[in-house]
Protein backbone atom coordinates (compact mmCIF):
# COMPACT_ATOMS: atom_id res chain seq x y z
CA MET A 1 0.00 0.00 0.00
CA GLY A 2 1.06 3.57 -0.56
CA ARG A 3 -0.45 6.48 1.35
CA ALA A 4 -3.55 5.76 3.41
CA GLY A 5 -6.52 5.16 1.14
CA HIS A 6 -4.43 4.66 -2.00
CA VAL A 7 -3.03 1.58 -3.75
CA ASP A 8 0.62 1.42 -4.79
CA VAL A 9 0.21 0.60 -8.49
CA ARG A 10 3.81 -0.54 -8.84
CA GLY A 11 3.26 -3.16 -6.16
CA LEU A 12 0.14 -4.43 -7.91
CA HIS A 13 2.02 -4.70 -11.20
CA HIS A 14 4.71 -6.91 -9.69
CA ALA A 15 2.06 -9.03 -7.95
CA ARG A 16 0.31 -9.53 -11.27
CA ILE A 17 3.48 -10.97 -12.78
CA GLY A 18 3.80 -13.63 -10.09
CA LEU A 19 0.12 -14.45 -9.69
CA GLY A 20 -1.30 -13.61 -13.08
CA ALA A 21 -3.45 -16.73 -13.43
CA TYR A 22 -5.01 -15.94 -10.04
CA LYS A 23 -6.78 -12.96 -11.60
CA GLU A 24 -7.87 -14.77 -14.77
CA ARG A 25 -9.34 -17.95 -13.31
CA LEU A 26 -13.01 -17.14 -13.98
CA HIS A 27 -12.13 -15.81 -17.42
CA ASN A 28 -10.41 -19.08 -18.28
CA LEU A 29 -13.31 -21.13 -16.94
CA LEU A 30 -15.76 -19.21 -19.09
CA LYS A 31 -13.53 -19.61 -22.15
CA ASN A 32 -13.37 -23.37 -21.61
CA ILE A 33 -17.12 -23.86 -21.31
CA GLY A 34 -17.58 -21.50 -24.27
CA ILE A 35 -15.14 -23.50 -26.40
CA TYR A 36 -17.01 -26.73 -25.81
CA SER A 37 -20.35 -25.07 -26.51
CA ILE A 38 -19.19 -23.38 -29.72
CA ALA A 39 -17.43 -26.54 -30.96
CA GLY A 40 -20.49 -28.64 -30.32
CA ILE A 41 -22.82 -26.35 -32.26
CA ALA A 42 -20.41 -25.49 -35.11
CA TYR A 43 -19.41 -29.10 -35.72
CA PHE A 44 -23.05 -30.15 -35.75
CA VAL A 45 -24.25 -27.37 -38.05
CA ILE A 46 -21.49 -27.53 -40.68
CA GLY A 47 -18.15 -28.94 -39.46
CA TYR A 48 -18.85 -32.68 -39.62
CA ASN A 49 -20.28 -32.41 -43.13
CA LEU A 50 -17.21 -30.50 -44.33
CA MET A 51 -14.97 -33.16 -42.82
CA TYR A 52 -16.67 -36.43 -43.76
CA VAL A 53 -19.56 -36.08 -46.20
CA ASP A 54 -19.00 -36.20 -49.98
CA ILE A 55 -15.38 -35.00 -50.03
CA VAL A 56 -14.93 -33.04 -53.29
CA GLY A 57 -11.60 -33.44 -55.07
CA GLY A 58 -10.01 -34.74 -51.89
CA PHE A 59 -10.13 -31.30 -50.26
CA ILE A 60 -13.47 -30.44 -48.65
CA GLY A 61 -16.81 -32.04 -47.92
CA SER A 62 -20.43 -31.03 -48.17
CA PHE A 63 -21.68 -27.54 -47.29
CA ASN A 64 -25.06 -28.96 -46.29
CA LEU A 65 -26.20 -27.79 -42.88
CA LEU A 66 -26.91 -30.00 -39.85
CA TYR A 67 -26.30 -33.70 -39.35
CA GLY A 68 -28.43 -36.54 -38.04
CA SER A 69 -29.16 -40.24 -37.74
CA SER A 70 -29.26 -42.39 -40.87
CA ALA A 71 -32.51 -43.39 -42.55
CA ASP A 72 -32.06 -46.98 -41.34
CA GLU A 73 -31.60 -45.83 -37.75
CA ILE A 74 -34.71 -43.66 -37.89
CA ALA A 75 -36.68 -46.56 -39.40
CA LEU A 76 -35.45 -48.86 -36.61
CA LEU A 77 -36.51 -46.37 -33.95
CA GLY A 78 -39.90 -46.25 -35.67
CA GLY A 79 -40.34 -49.98 -35.18
CA ASP A 80 -39.12 -51.29 -38.53
CA GLN A 81 -37.15 -54.37 -37.48
CA SER A 82 -36.10 -55.02 -41.06
CA ALA A 83 -33.66 -52.09 -40.70
CA THR A 84 -31.76 -53.84 -37.90
CA ALA A 85 -29.35 -55.67 -40.20
CA ALA A 86 -28.33 -52.47 -41.98
CA VAL A 87 -27.77 -50.63 -38.68
CA VAL A 88 -25.67 -53.47 -37.26
CA GLU A 89 -23.67 -53.76 -40.46
CA SER A 90 -22.60 -50.10 -40.24
CA GLY A 91 -20.61 -50.96 -37.11
CA TYR A 92 -21.76 -48.05 -34.95
CA SER A 93 -24.57 -45.53 -34.69
CA THR A 94 -24.24 -42.42 -36.81
CA MET A 95 -24.45 -39.92 -33.97
CA SER A 96 -22.02 -41.82 -31.74
CA ASP A 97 -19.37 -41.16 -34.40
CA TRP A 98 -20.37 -37.49 -34.56
CA PHE A 99 -20.07 -37.17 -30.78
CA PHE A 100 -16.64 -38.82 -30.63
CA GLN A 101 -15.32 -36.61 -33.43
CA MET A 102 -16.80 -33.47 -31.86
CA VAL A 103 -14.72 -33.94 -28.71
CA PHE A 104 -11.60 -33.96 -30.89
CA VAL A 105 -12.42 -30.61 -32.46
CA ALA A 106 -13.06 -29.11 -29.02
CA THR A 107 -9.63 -30.37 -27.95
CA ALA A 108 -7.95 -28.53 -30.82
CA ALA A 109 -9.67 -25.28 -29.85
CA SER A 110 -8.73 -25.61 -26.18
CA ILE A 111 -5.03 -25.53 -27.12
CA VAL A 112 -5.44 -21.96 -28.37
CA SER A 113 -7.21 -20.89 -25.18
CA GLY A 114 -4.36 -21.78 -22.82
CA THR A 115 -1.70 -20.22 -25.02
CA LEU A 116 -3.36 -16.80 -25.15
CA ALA A 117 -4.55 -16.64 -21.55
CA GLU A 118 -4.34 -13.45 -19.50
CA ARG A 119 -4.54 -10.93 -22.36
CA VAL A 120 -7.04 -11.97 -25.07
CA LYS A 121 -10.59 -10.61 -25.18
CA MET A 122 -13.43 -13.06 -24.77
CA TRP A 123 -15.62 -12.36 -27.80
CA PRO A 124 -12.88 -12.11 -30.45
CA PHE A 125 -11.53 -15.39 -29.07
CA PHE A 126 -14.98 -16.96 -29.35
CA LEU A 127 -15.27 -15.77 -32.95
CA PHE A 128 -11.91 -17.34 -33.77
CA THR A 129 -13.03 -20.58 -32.09
CA LEU A 130 -16.16 -20.59 -34.26
CA ILE A 131 -14.16 -20.42 -37.51
CA LEU A 132 -11.59 -22.92 -36.24
CA THR A 133 -14.20 -25.53 -35.34
CA ALA A 134 -16.59 -24.89 -38.23
CA PHE A 135 -14.05 -24.60 -41.06
CA ILE A 136 -10.28 -24.81 -40.36
CA TYR A 137 -10.24 -28.08 -38.41
CA PRO A 138 -12.85 -29.81 -40.62
CA VAL A 139 -10.82 -29.03 -43.76
CA VAL A 140 -7.73 -30.62 -42.20
CA GLY A 141 -9.88 -33.56 -41.20
CA ALA A 142 -11.28 -33.89 -44.73
CA TRP A 143 -7.75 -34.16 -46.14
CA THR A 144 -6.93 -36.98 -43.74
CA TRP A 145 -9.56 -38.91 -41.77
CA GLY A 146 -12.22 -37.92 -44.30
CA GLY A 147 -10.43 -39.80 -47.09
CA GLY A 148 -9.01 -36.72 -48.84
CA TRP A 149 -5.79 -36.17 -50.74
CA LEU A 150 -3.39 -36.75 -47.83
CA ASP A 151 -5.12 -39.97 -46.89
CA GLN A 152 -4.90 -41.12 -50.52
CA MET A 153 -1.14 -40.49 -50.45
CA GLY A 154 -0.80 -42.77 -47.44
CA PHE A 155 -0.58 -40.18 -44.64
CA LYS A 156 -1.10 -41.81 -41.24
CA ASP A 157 -2.22 -40.20 -38.00
CA PHE A 158 -4.01 -42.73 -35.81
CA ALA A 159 -5.53 -40.36 -33.24
CA GLY A 160 -4.45 -36.87 -34.21
CA SER A 161 -0.87 -35.80 -33.42
CA THR A 162 -1.12 -33.47 -36.41
CA ILE A 163 -4.83 -33.44 -37.20
CA VAL A 164 -5.84 -32.41 -33.68
CA HIS A 165 -2.80 -31.25 -31.74
CA SER A 166 -0.64 -29.57 -34.37
CA THR A 167 -3.73 -27.92 -35.82
CA GLY A 168 -4.43 -26.35 -32.43
CA GLY A 169 -0.73 -25.52 -32.04
CA TRP A 170 -0.45 -23.75 -35.40
CA ALA A 171 -3.60 -21.73 -34.65
CA ALA A 172 -2.18 -20.82 -31.23
CA LEU A 173 1.18 -19.77 -32.73
CA ALA A 174 -0.59 -17.42 -35.14
CA GLY A 175 -2.52 -15.94 -32.23
CA VAL A 176 0.62 -15.39 -30.16
CA LEU A 177 2.25 -13.47 -33.01
CA VAL A 178 -0.76 -11.18 -33.38
CA VAL A 179 -1.70 -10.71 -29.72
CA GLY A 180 1.84 -10.40 -28.35
CA PRO A 181 3.29 -11.30 -24.92
CA ARG A 182 1.85 -10.43 -21.53
CA LEU A 183 2.96 -7.16 -19.95
CA GLY A 184 6.26 -7.61 -18.16
CA LYS A 185 6.88 -11.15 -19.40
CA PHE A 186 10.06 -10.14 -21.22
CA ARG A 187 12.33 -7.55 -19.64
CA ARG A 188 14.09 -4.88 -21.66
CA ASP A 189 17.42 -6.65 -21.19
CA GLY A 190 15.97 -9.72 -22.92
CA THR A 191 15.59 -11.88 -19.83
CA VAL A 192 12.36 -13.73 -19.10
CA ARG A 193 10.32 -13.05 -15.99
CA ALA A 194 9.08 -16.28 -14.42
CA THR A 195 5.27 -16.54 -14.21
CA PRO A 196 4.44 -19.66 -12.21
CA PRO A 197 0.81 -20.83 -12.02
CA SER A 198 -1.22 -19.67 -9.05
CA ASN A 199 -2.10 -23.24 -8.02
CA VAL A 200 0.43 -25.93 -8.90
CA LEU A 201 -1.69 -28.57 -7.15
CA VAL A 202 -4.59 -27.97 -9.54
CA VAL A 203 -2.22 -27.99 -12.52
CA THR A 204 -0.81 -31.36 -11.44
CA LEU A 205 -4.29 -32.78 -10.94
CA GLY A 206 -5.23 -31.50 -14.38
CA VAL A 207 -2.34 -33.37 -15.96
CA PHE A 208 -3.42 -36.60 -14.26
CA ILE A 209 -6.96 -36.07 -15.57
CA LEU A 210 -5.63 -35.49 -19.08
CA TRP A 211 -3.40 -38.55 -18.82
CA PHE A 212 -6.40 -40.68 -17.81
CA GLY A 213 -8.65 -39.16 -20.47
CA TRP A 214 -6.06 -39.89 -23.14
CA PHE A 215 -6.82 -43.61 -22.86
CA GLY A 216 -10.25 -42.85 -24.27
CA PHE A 217 -8.76 -40.42 -26.78
CA ASN A 218 -6.31 -42.94 -28.25
CA ALA A 219 -7.91 -46.31 -27.51
CA GLY A 220 -11.29 -45.00 -28.64
CA SER A 221 -9.75 -44.24 -32.02
CA GLN A 222 -9.72 -47.97 -32.68
CA LEU A 223 -13.41 -47.26 -33.41
CA ALA A 224 -14.41 -50.86 -32.76
CA LEU A 225 -14.62 -53.37 -29.93
CA GLY A 226 -16.52 -56.18 -31.60
CA SER A 227 -13.83 -58.80 -32.04
CA ALA A 228 -10.87 -60.37 -30.28
CA ALA A 229 -8.54 -58.51 -32.64
CA ASP A 230 -10.13 -55.18 -31.65
CA VAL A 231 -9.65 -55.97 -27.96
CA VAL A 232 -5.98 -56.83 -28.46
CA ALA A 233 -5.39 -53.74 -30.60
CA MET A 234 -7.05 -51.47 -28.04
CA SER A 235 -4.98 -52.93 -25.19
CA ILE A 236 -1.79 -52.26 -27.17
CA VAL A 237 -2.85 -48.66 -27.75
CA MET A 238 -3.55 -48.13 -24.04
CA VAL A 239 -0.20 -49.56 -22.93
CA ASN A 240 1.73 -47.49 -25.48
CA THR A 241 -0.15 -44.37 -24.44
CA ASN A 242 0.82 -44.87 -20.82
CA LEU A 243 4.46 -45.71 -21.60
CA ALA A 244 4.92 -42.63 -23.77
CA ALA A 245 3.48 -40.31 -21.13
CA ALA A 246 5.71 -41.74 -18.42
CA ALA A 247 8.78 -41.47 -20.64
CA GLY A 248 7.89 -37.90 -21.52
CA VAL A 249 7.82 -36.92 -17.85
CA MET A 250 11.19 -38.43 -17.01
CA ALA A 251 12.96 -37.18 -20.14
CA ALA A 252 11.66 -33.63 -19.66
CA LEU A 253 12.81 -33.62 -16.05
CA ALA A 254 16.22 -35.03 -17.00
CA VAL A 255 16.96 -32.26 -19.51
CA SER A 256 15.22 -29.40 -17.73
CA ARG A 257 18.21 -28.56 -15.52
CA PRO A 258 20.85 -28.29 -18.28
CA ILE A 259 18.45 -26.49 -20.65
CA LEU A 260 16.26 -24.39 -18.35
CA GLY A 261 18.69 -24.09 -15.44
CA ARG A 262 16.50 -25.94 -12.93
CA MET A 263 14.63 -29.17 -12.42
CA ASP A 264 11.31 -27.79 -13.58
CA LEU A 265 8.05 -29.23 -12.26
CA ILE A 266 5.99 -27.60 -15.00
CA ALA A 267 8.34 -29.01 -17.64
CA GLY A 268 7.82 -32.45 -16.12
CA LEU A 269 4.04 -32.06 -16.18
CA ASN A 270 4.07 -30.79 -19.75
CA GLY A 271 6.45 -33.62 -20.57
CA ALA A 272 3.59 -36.03 -19.89
CA ILE A 273 1.42 -34.12 -22.37
CA ALA A 274 4.24 -34.04 -24.93
CA GLY A 275 4.73 -37.79 -24.58
CA LEU A 276 1.02 -38.37 -25.06
CA VAL A 277 0.83 -36.09 -28.09
CA SER A 278 3.93 -37.70 -29.62
CA VAL A 279 2.60 -41.25 -29.48
CA THR A 280 -0.91 -40.29 -30.56
CA ALA A 281 -0.03 -40.57 -34.27
CA ALA A 282 0.95 -44.24 -33.88
CA PRO A 283 -0.14 -45.69 -30.51
CA ASP A 284 -0.87 -49.01 -32.24
CA LEU A 285 2.86 -49.90 -32.31
CA VAL A 286 3.22 -53.59 -31.52
CA ASP A 287 6.79 -53.16 -30.20
CA HIS A 288 6.16 -51.30 -26.95
CA HIS A 289 9.72 -50.11 -26.45
CA TRP A 290 9.23 -47.71 -29.34
CA ALA A 291 6.48 -45.95 -27.37
CA ILE A 292 9.01 -45.25 -24.60
CA ILE A 293 11.49 -43.82 -27.12
CA ILE A 294 8.85 -41.72 -28.90
CA GLY A 295 7.54 -40.33 -25.59
CA ALA A 296 11.03 -39.59 -24.28
CA VAL A 297 12.01 -37.71 -27.42
CA GLY A 298 8.73 -35.81 -27.15
CA GLY A 299 9.65 -34.70 -23.63
CA ILE A 300 13.05 -33.48 -24.82
CA VAL A 301 11.48 -31.69 -27.79
CA LEU A 302 9.12 -29.96 -25.38
CA VAL A 303 11.89 -28.52 -23.20
CA LEU A 304 13.92 -27.39 -26.22
CA ALA A 305 10.80 -25.74 -27.67
CA VAL A 306 10.12 -23.91 -24.40
CA LYS A 307 13.63 -22.47 -24.54
CA LEU A 308 13.21 -21.56 -28.21
CA LEU A 309 9.98 -19.66 -27.58
CA GLU A 310 11.69 -17.72 -24.80
CA LYS A 311 14.52 -16.78 -27.16
CA LEU A 312 11.98 -15.63 -29.76
CA LYS A 313 9.99 -13.75 -27.08
CA LEU A 314 6.81 -15.67 -27.83
CA ASP A 315 4.63 -15.88 -24.74
CA ASP A 316 2.77 -19.19 -24.39
CA VAL A 317 1.18 -19.15 -20.93
CA VAL A 318 0.69 -22.91 -20.50
CA GLY A 319 3.36 -24.28 -22.85
CA ALA A 320 0.75 -25.54 -25.31
CA ILE A 321 2.76 -24.79 -28.44
CA PRO A 322 5.77 -26.88 -27.33
CA ALA A 323 3.55 -29.70 -26.03
CA HIS A 324 1.06 -29.86 -28.89
CA LEU A 325 2.68 -28.34 -31.98
CA PHE A 326 6.32 -29.36 -31.63
CA ALA A 327 5.60 -32.75 -30.06
CA GLY A 328 2.81 -33.29 -32.59
CA ILE A 329 5.21 -32.73 -35.49
CA TRP A 330 7.72 -35.16 -33.97
CA GLY A 331 5.06 -37.79 -33.34
CA THR A 332 3.71 -37.53 -36.88
CA LEU A 333 7.18 -38.04 -38.37
CA ALA A 334 7.82 -40.91 -35.95
CA VAL A 335 5.05 -42.88 -37.67
CA ALA A 336 7.83 -43.93 -40.07
CA ILE A 337 9.01 -46.24 -37.28
CA SER A 338 5.86 -48.33 -37.70
CA GLY A 339 5.92 -48.45 -41.49
CA GLY A 340 4.74 -44.98 -42.47
CA GLN A 341 6.32 -43.14 -45.40
CA ILE A 342 8.52 -40.38 -44.00
CA LEU A 343 8.15 -38.18 -47.09
CA VAL A 344 4.36 -38.47 -47.02
CA GLN A 345 4.33 -37.73 -43.28
CA LEU A 346 6.49 -34.65 -43.87
CA ILE A 347 4.21 -33.45 -46.67
CA GLY A 348 1.25 -33.82 -44.31
CA VAL A 349 2.97 -31.85 -41.55
CA LEU A 350 3.91 -29.03 -43.95
CA ALA A 351 0.53 -28.91 -45.71
CA VAL A 352 -1.44 -28.75 -42.48
CA GLY A 353 1.01 -26.25 -40.99
CA VAL A 354 0.90 -23.85 -43.93
CA PHE A 355 -2.89 -24.00 -44.24
CA VAL A 356 -3.75 -23.69 -40.56
CA PHE A 357 -1.14 -21.06 -39.73
CA ALA A 358 -1.91 -18.89 -42.78
CA VAL A 359 -5.69 -18.94 -42.33
CA SER A 360 -5.40 -18.47 -38.57
CA TRP A 361 -2.98 -15.54 -38.89
CA VAL A 362 -5.24 -13.77 -41.40
CA LEU A 363 -8.24 -14.39 -39.17
CA TRP A 364 -6.48 -13.12 -36.05
CA LYS A 365 -5.34 -10.00 -37.92
CA ALA A 366 -8.85 -9.37 -39.24
CA LEU A 367 -10.33 -9.74 -35.77
CA ASP A 368 -7.66 -7.44 -34.35
CA MET A 369 -8.42 -4.77 -36.93
CA ALA A 370 -12.15 -5.08 -36.37
CA PHE A 371 -12.35 -5.44 -32.59
CA SER A 372 -8.81 -5.33 -31.12
CA VAL A 373 -8.25 -8.84 -29.78
CA ARG A 374 -6.16 -7.75 -26.81
CA VAL A 375 -7.49 -6.19 -23.64
CA SER A 376 -6.24 -2.76 -22.59
CA ARG A 377 -3.14 -2.39 -20.42
CA THR A 378 -5.36 -1.29 -17.53
CA VAL A 379 -7.56 -4.39 -17.77
CA GLU A 380 -4.53 -6.66 -18.12
CA ARG A 381 -2.96 -5.23 -14.97
CA MET A 382 -6.25 -5.42 -13.12
CA GLY A 383 -6.92 -8.97 -14.28
CA LEU A 384 -9.46 -10.19 -16.81
CA ASP A 385 -11.82 -11.48 -14.13
CA SER A 386 -12.38 -7.95 -12.90
CA GLY A 387 -11.76 -6.10 -16.16
CA GLU A 388 -13.96 -8.17 -18.48
CA LEU A 389 -16.33 -10.04 -16.16
CA GLY A 390 -16.59 -7.71 -13.17
CA LEU A 391 -15.95 -10.65 -10.82
CA GLU A 392 -13.21 -12.00 -8.57
CA SER A 393 -12.36 -15.68 -8.08
CA TYR A 394 -11.72 -15.14 -4.37
CA PRO A 395 -13.29 -11.80 -3.39
CA GLU A 396 -12.56 -12.38 0.30
CA PHE A 397 -8.82 -12.15 -0.48
CA VAL A 398 -8.94 -9.03 -2.65
CA LEU A 399 -7.40 -5.94 -1.08
CA MET A 400 -9.56 -2.92 -1.84
CA PRO A 401 -8.60 0.70 -1.06
CA GLU A 402 -10.92 2.69 1.21
CA GLU A 403 -12.92 5.35 -0.56
CA ASP A 404 -12.38 8.93 0.58
CA ASP A 405 -15.47 10.68 1.90
CA GLU A 406 -15.34 13.99 0.06
CA GLU A 407 -17.72 15.73 2.51
CA GLU A 408 -15.61 14.81 5.53
CA SER A 409 -12.43 15.75 3.66
């Protein structure tokens, strides 16, 4: 505090650097629920059709709106038992596939959210999320999982190292370049100011939740559990997923001291994510030791990428670009270990990167020109919870100056 009744602004600025996430918690929560809501609607209205229905020339699908159950499924629900055979033959219900794929597109969008935390405005971010989930991601999906030109070349990405994670990473990188770093993140002498999370316990719990959820993410991409072969294949995927995550943690911790100057807990936690992302392109490897190698290299790639972003003065709040973009690229190329064509994998990485980054950068610039995507310096110092939402995560801990009574003065 400064003089009685007044707040020392310099003190608040330094506190914001150390506890920035503390003042953006509600803002981040609202972004996350908004992402899932927007992705769900956009992918239902147009995204799934663009990704999977009637792919034209190997590049993009149908522009028809909405999606729904097949005619056979509707007939079965209406009591027509003769439609049973056709429904069973399809292997799964139409809308179960839509739901599974929708969660993937929401994952890609969430990568952008964490990267740009603490300085991006809510509504411009939501508009970007709408275009990402309705158009950008579905086009990438049409090229690959939808049977488009990359798939026809032999490009392989079992559960989305590039299709999901690198897509989100490229979009986040474009956003970082347009929005810029947080205030005070990089000092004038070029050094980096440390900005640890406000609650490391919650961050660690979040990584465990992600690790657990990844079993559904990867194993579910088998898309079948109706035979002994499917059961065996799914068990292999789950084991490789776990091995890669564990290797990512240990490798990131091992190299964090020589590269970052300390044994870094956050690097270790993100190492788990990097290991998971790395193996996601080929978790069906029969030789399990390769999963350990792929995950370990992913953890090392993560730490090197963190250092690179610091050198380039690119501010990624949660380390999403190193964990999802860089590890995703490595994992996609590592498919060559299990029989993939390295040149085709490289073409896929470059094609997706150029498309997603270029479209995302143009979109971020357009939004910035139209609305200004970054909050004001005053709001950023105050915190986005107060500045944009008018709320505090923990109001009982907020120090408020006493108001002067002008009449008494």
